[in-house]
Structure formats: structure tokens, C-alpha cells
Protein backbone atom coordinates (compact mmCIF):
# COMPACT_ATOMS: atom_id res chain seq x y z
CA UNK A 1 37.05 47.99 13.54
CA UNK A 2 38.36 51.48 12.80
CA UNK A 3 38.30 52.68 9.16
CA UNK A 4 41.45 54.84 8.81
CA UNK A 5 40.39 56.30 5.44
CA UNK A 6 37.08 57.47 6.86
CA UNK A 7 38.48 58.66 10.20
CA UNK A 8 36.27 61.11 12.10
CA UNK A 9 35.39 61.98 15.71
CA UNK A 10 32.08 60.16 15.42
CA UNK A 11 33.82 57.04 14.10
CA UNK A 12 36.35 57.15 16.98
CA UNK A 13 33.59 57.57 19.54
CA UNK A 14 31.64 54.72 18.04
CA UNK A 15 34.72 52.48 17.95
CA UNK A 16 35.56 53.27 21.60
CA UNK A 17 32.01 52.40 22.71
CA UNK A 18 32.10 49.13 20.81
CA UNK A 19 35.50 48.18 22.35
CA UNK A 20 34.96 49.48 25.90
CA UNK A 21 35.73 46.17 27.57
CA UNK A 22 38.94 45.71 25.62
CA UNK A 23 40.17 49.23 26.51
CA UNK A 24 39.37 48.73 30.19
CA UNK A 25 41.24 45.44 30.36
CA UNK A 26 44.25 46.96 28.57
CA UNK A 27 44.37 49.91 30.99
CA UNK A 28 44.21 47.55 33.97
CA UNK A 29 47.10 45.48 32.60
CA UNK A 30 49.22 48.61 32.02
CA UNK A 31 48.55 49.86 35.55
CA UNK A 32 49.36 46.47 37.05
CA UNK A 33 52.59 46.30 35.11
CA UNK A 34 53.59 49.78 36.29
CA UNK A 35 53.07 48.96 39.96
CA UNK A 36 54.75 45.58 39.56
CA UNK A 37 57.88 47.24 38.13
CA UNK A 38 59.79 49.12 40.88
CA UNK A 39 61.69 51.25 38.38
CA UNK A 40 58.45 52.46 36.87
CA UNK A 41 56.63 53.15 40.11
CA UNK A 42 57.61 55.65 42.78
CA UNK A 43 54.65 54.93 45.04
CA UNK A 44 56.09 51.65 46.33
CA UNK A 45 59.47 53.30 46.96
CA UNK A 46 57.79 56.04 49.01
CA UNK A 47 55.90 53.47 51.07
CA UNK A 48 59.11 51.53 51.74
CA UNK A 49 60.94 54.71 52.79
CA UNK A 50 58.19 55.67 55.22
CA UNK A 51 58.12 52.15 56.64
CA UNK A 52 61.92 52.14 57.07
CA UNK A 53 61.87 55.51 58.80
CA UNK A 54 59.09 54.35 61.12
CA UNK A 55 61.01 51.19 61.98
CA UNK A 56 64.16 53.21 62.70
CA UNK A 57 62.28 55.58 65.01
CA UNK A 58 60.75 52.64 66.88
CA UNK A 59 64.16 51.02 67.34
CA UNK A 60 65.65 54.28 68.62
CA UNK A 61 62.82 54.75 71.11
CA UNK A 62 63.24 51.17 72.37
CA UNK A 63 67.02 51.29 72.81
CA UNK A 64 67.54 54.37 74.98
CA UNK A 65 68.32 57.06 72.39
CA UNK A 66 65.39 59.32 73.29
CA UNK A 67 65.86 58.75 77.01
CA UNK A 68 69.56 59.66 76.87
CA UNK A 69 68.98 62.67 74.64
CA UNK A 70 66.17 64.16 76.72
CA UNK A 71 67.81 63.59 80.11
CA UNK A 72 71.22 64.90 79.09
CA UNK A 73 69.83 67.91 77.25
CA UNK A 74 67.66 69.01 80.17
CA UNK A 75 70.53 68.37 82.62
CA UNK A 76 73.07 70.37 80.59
CA UNK A 77 71.06 73.54 79.95
CA UNK A 78 72.21 76.03 82.58
CA UNK A 79 74.86 73.62 83.91
CA UNK A 80 78.45 74.58 84.79
CA UNK A 81 79.86 73.09 81.59
CA UNK A 82 77.20 74.98 79.62
CA UNK A 83 78.47 78.31 80.96
CA UNK A 84 82.12 77.30 80.62
CA UNK A 85 81.56 76.70 76.90
CA UNK A 86 79.79 80.05 76.56
CA UNK A 87 82.48 82.00 78.42
CA UNK A 88 85.31 80.34 76.52
CA UNK A 89 83.53 81.11 73.25
CA UNK A 90 83.82 84.82 74.07
CA UNK A 91 87.44 84.63 75.22
CA UNK A 92 89.03 81.93 73.04
CA UNK A 93 86.67 81.69 70.04
CA UNK A 94 83.52 79.75 69.28
CA UNK A 95 85.20 77.04 67.20
CA UNK A 96 87.83 76.34 69.87
CA UNK A 97 85.23 76.26 72.63
CA UNK A 98 82.84 73.99 70.71
CA UNK A 99 85.46 71.46 69.58
CA UNK A 100 87.19 71.26 72.96
CA UNK A 101 83.95 71.06 74.95
CA UNK A 102 82.16 68.50 72.76
CA UNK A 103 85.29 66.32 72.59
CA UNK A 104 85.53 66.24 76.38
CA UNK A 105 81.81 65.54 76.79
CA UNK A 106 81.93 62.77 74.17
CA UNK A 107 84.85 61.05 75.91
CA UNK A 108 83.09 61.42 79.26
CA UNK A 109 79.95 59.89 77.73
CA UNK A 110 81.88 56.87 76.45
CA UNK A 111 83.42 56.37 79.91
CA UNK A 112 80.02 56.53 81.62
CA UNK A 113 78.55 54.08 79.11
CA UNK A 114 81.40 51.64 79.78
CA UNK A 115 80.83 51.94 83.53
CA UNK A 116 77.15 51.20 82.96
CA UNK A 117 78.08 48.08 81.05
CA UNK A 118 80.07 46.84 84.05
CA UNK A 119 76.81 46.71 86.02
CA UNK A 120 75.14 45.02 83.04
CA UNK A 121 77.87 42.37 82.84
CA UNK A 122 77.50 41.13 86.43
CA UNK A 123 77.09 37.31 86.19
CA UNK A 124 73.65 35.97 87.17
CA UNK A 125 75.30 33.68 89.72
CA UNK A 126 76.64 36.63 91.71
CA UNK A 127 73.40 38.60 91.55
CA UNK A 128 71.35 35.45 92.28
CA UNK A 129 69.22 36.11 89.22
CA UNK A 130 68.39 39.69 90.17
CA UNK A 131 68.76 42.27 87.34
CA UNK A 132 71.22 44.51 89.22
CA UNK A 133 71.68 46.80 86.22
CA UNK A 134 67.97 47.59 85.96
CA UNK A 135 67.61 47.94 89.73
CA UNK A 136 70.55 50.37 89.86
CA UNK A 137 69.01 52.37 87.01
CA UNK A 138 65.62 52.57 88.77
CA UNK A 139 67.22 53.73 92.03
CA UNK A 140 69.36 56.35 90.27
CA UNK A 141 66.44 57.72 88.22
CA UNK A 142 64.15 57.82 91.25
CA UNK A 143 66.77 59.58 93.38
CA UNK A 144 67.55 62.25 90.78
CA UNK A 145 63.88 62.69 89.96
CA UNK A 146 62.81 63.32 93.54
CA UNK A 147 65.85 65.50 94.29
CA UNK A 148 65.37 67.60 91.15
CA UNK A 149 61.67 68.14 91.88
CA UNK A 150 62.46 69.04 95.51
CA UNK A 151 65.12 71.56 94.45
CA UNK A 152 62.78 73.08 91.85
CA UNK A 153 59.97 73.52 94.39
CA UNK A 154 62.31 75.38 96.76
CA UNK A 155 63.43 77.96 94.20
CA UNK A 156 62.30 81.46 95.19
CA UNK A 157 62.00 84.50 92.95
CA UNK A 158 64.56 87.24 93.52
CA UNK A 159 67.02 84.94 95.28
CA UNK A 160 70.28 83.74 93.76
CA UNK A 161 69.39 80.48 92.04
CA UNK A 162 71.38 77.40 91.18
CA UNK A 163 71.95 78.77 87.69
CA UNK A 164 73.59 81.89 89.17
CA UNK A 165 75.85 79.67 91.25
CA UNK A 166 76.73 77.54 88.23
CA UNK A 167 77.57 80.68 86.26
CA UNK A 168 79.77 82.01 89.08
CA UNK A 169 81.59 78.65 89.32
CA UNK A 170 82.11 78.65 85.56
CA UNK A 171 83.54 82.18 85.63
CA UNK A 172 85.97 81.18 88.38
CA UNK A 173 87.03 78.05 86.49
CA UNK A 174 87.61 79.93 83.23
CA UNK A 175 89.56 82.76 84.88
CA UNK A 176 91.78 80.25 86.65
CA UNK A 177 92.44 78.12 83.57
CA UNK A 178 95.26 78.34 81.04
CA UNK A 179 92.91 78.24 78.06
CA UNK A 180 92.80 81.98 77.38
CA UNK A 181 96.59 82.18 77.84
CA UNK A 182 97.40 79.57 75.20
CA UNK A 183 98.79 80.93 71.94
CA UNK A 184 97.94 78.18 69.44
CA UNK A 185 94.44 76.96 68.57
CA UNK A 186 95.37 73.36 69.42
CA UNK A 187 96.67 74.46 72.79
CA UNK A 188 93.37 76.22 73.53
CA UNK A 189 91.36 73.19 72.41
CA UNK A 190 93.36 70.82 74.63
CA UNK A 191 93.06 73.20 77.58
CA UNK A 192 89.31 73.52 76.99
CA UNK A 193 89.06 69.73 76.84
CA UNK A 194 90.71 69.36 80.25
CA UNK A 195 88.63 72.12 81.84
CA UNK A 196 85.28 70.73 80.64
CA UNK A 197 86.27 67.13 81.37
CA UNK A 198 87.08 67.97 84.99
CA UNK A 199 83.85 69.95 85.40
CA UNK A 200 81.67 67.19 83.94
CA UNK A 201 83.09 64.26 85.92
CA UNK A 202 80.52 63.01 88.44
CA UNK A 203 77.86 65.41 87.16
CA UNK A 204 74.16 64.52 87.03
CA UNK A 205 74.24 63.79 83.30
CA UNK A 206 77.30 61.56 83.89
CA UNK A 207 75.43 59.45 86.47
CA UNK A 208 72.29 59.42 84.31
CA UNK A 209 74.23 58.04 81.35
CA UNK A 210 75.69 55.29 83.54
CA UNK A 211 72.20 54.28 84.67
CA UNK A 212 70.79 54.33 81.13
CA UNK A 213 73.69 52.32 79.74
CA UNK A 214 73.14 49.67 82.40
CA UNK A 215 69.51 49.22 81.37
CA UNK A 216 69.49 50.08 77.63
CA UNK A 217 71.49 49.56 74.44
CA UNK A 218 74.89 51.22 75.10
CA UNK A 219 75.45 52.39 71.52
CA UNK A 220 72.07 54.13 71.33
CA UNK A 221 72.58 55.70 74.75
CA UNK A 222 76.02 57.00 73.73
CA UNK A 223 74.72 58.48 70.45
CA UNK A 224 71.74 60.11 72.16
CA UNK A 225 73.84 61.58 74.96
CA UNK A 226 76.55 62.91 72.63
CA UNK A 227 73.91 64.44 70.34
CA UNK A 228 72.34 66.21 73.34
CA UNK A 229 75.74 67.44 74.52
CA UNK A 230 76.55 68.76 71.05
CA UNK A 231 73.27 70.67 70.72
CA UNK A 232 73.45 72.10 74.24
CA UNK A 233 77.06 73.15 73.70
CA UNK A 234 76.14 74.72 70.37
CA UNK A 235 73.51 76.82 72.14
CA UNK A 236 76.03 77.81 74.82
CA UNK A 237 78.66 78.79 72.27
CA UNK A 238 76.15 80.77 70.20
CA UNK A 239 75.09 82.85 73.22
CA UNK A 240 74.82 80.90 76.45
CA UNK A 241 75.01 83.93 78.74
CA UNK A 242 72.22 85.66 76.83
CA UNK A 243 70.05 82.52 76.73
CA UNK A 244 70.54 81.97 80.47
CA UNK A 245 68.64 85.19 81.21
CA UNK A 246 65.49 83.66 79.74
CA UNK A 247 65.85 80.19 81.25
CA UNK A 248 63.34 79.30 83.95
CA UNK A 249 65.27 77.15 86.40
CA UNK A 250 62.04 76.08 88.08
CA UNK A 251 60.53 74.90 84.77
CA UNK A 252 63.69 73.04 83.80
CA UNK A 253 63.75 71.41 87.23
CA UNK A 254 60.17 70.23 86.99
CA UNK A 255 60.68 68.90 83.45
CA UNK A 256 63.92 67.13 84.33
CA UNK A 257 62.56 65.65 87.57
CA UNK A 258 59.45 64.38 85.81
CA UNK A 259 61.54 62.75 83.07
CA UNK A 260 63.70 60.98 85.67
CA UNK A 261 60.64 59.58 87.44
CA UNK A 262 59.03 58.49 84.16
CA UNK A 263 62.16 56.56 83.16
CA UNK A 264 62.39 55.08 86.67
CA UNK A 265 58.81 53.84 86.30
CA UNK A 266 59.25 52.42 82.79
CA UNK A 267 62.51 50.69 83.76
CA UNK A 268 60.85 49.20 86.85
CA UNK A 269 58.02 47.82 84.70
CA UNK A 270 60.64 46.06 82.55
CA UNK A 271 62.01 44.28 85.65
CA UNK A 272 58.66 42.71 86.45
């Protein structure tokens, strides 16, 4: 034992050596109790957070979020609606342009997702057991993939490109609209909504969202597409005309076409 009256470093050292096993067992019990008590241990909480985040990312990747985000983002950069948002930001204000444009694109996304679900809801009796939604998605992805790659390969330096044409169409649409003539902010937002909605209807990203919704989780597709629209519109509003000067239409075409073909392939694998 330890003599308190004759306490010294040598006595403490001697006592510790004599009770080494007891001290080791006590330390092990304290450590076990700490890890067993969630409020006393942060290590287990960190592990659970990492595991939850990993599970969330896996679910998003399996439900169409990444597919919708990547396809829509690549399709929108340098698109007509991209330049419309940028031009309106200079004429009517960035806030007005962003709110009106994103609202129109979000509504259009919801409509395309609902159309995709119509294909998904076809009764098996009518389709004779064939997954018409997946087949339609594969055909749409393959068509856009091959067409986008073909268009990208035909782009020549020094010649007016598709981006130049999109910019010219956007200028014409903005000059002919009532948005810049509206007095109130709400009037400008509503006018921007109508202009962007009309320009986006039937666009490549619109068809892509329909195909993805038919084959994937509609909620995840909608969230991914709207997020991509919001980011692309934010870039356009911040300086779309300036950014367009540094955009390689050929590179965007190759990236977009490759993504379409990859998703066509992965969707086809799911059918078989």
C-alpha cells in the first residue's frame, strides 16, 4: 500500500510497479466505459456521420440525381436560356433574372418529370411485359449522345458556332420581350418566367429529364435537374456573356455526348 505520511517519488514509483496489473485493468475499464457511453465519446458519432453521408451519396447516385445534374448542367451551359438569363441580368437586374429564370426552369422540370412518369406507369399488360420506360430512355440517350458527338465533330474554328447562334437567338428574344419595359419587379419576374419557359420547352435538357424520370426515381431526378438549372443560371446571371467567350463548344459537345451514351449503356444493362 501507499504510506501517505512518508510520501515520496520513490514510494509512488514502487507502489505503481507493485500494482501495475490493477492500474492496467482500471484504465481498460475506464476506456471501455467511455466508448460505451455515446455522450462521452465523439469517435462513434463521427463514424456514424461518415457512414450516413456515404449511404446518402450512394442513394443519390442510384436514383438519378447525378445523372440529371450532369446532363442538365452540360446541356444548359451556352444554351439559349443561359444567354437569356445573362442578357436580362444586364437589362432588368440580376435578382429579377435569376428568380424568373429558375422559377420557369423548375416548373418545366416538374412537367418533364411528370411526363416521364406517364411512360413509367404504362401497365405491363399493354407493354406485354416490356419495360417501355427504360427502352424509351435508352433510345433518347443514344440519339442525343450520337447527335451531340456528331455536331461537336463538325465544329470548325473561325466559323460561327452553335453558341453564337444561341446568343443571337437570345438577343432577339430579349429585345422582343416586354420584360425590360415592365415597371415593377414582379412584372419583370413574371415576364422573365414566360420568356424562359417558352425558350426551354422541348429543349434537349427537357427531353433528357423526361427520359431520366421514366427510368429513375422522379424526386431525385427533379432535385438534380433543378439544382443544375440553378447553378447554370447563377453563372449566366453573374456574367454569362463573359463566360461564353471562354467556353469550348467542341469540348462541351464531346463531354455531353459521352455522358448521354454512358447513361444509355447503363440503362440498357438494367433492362437485361
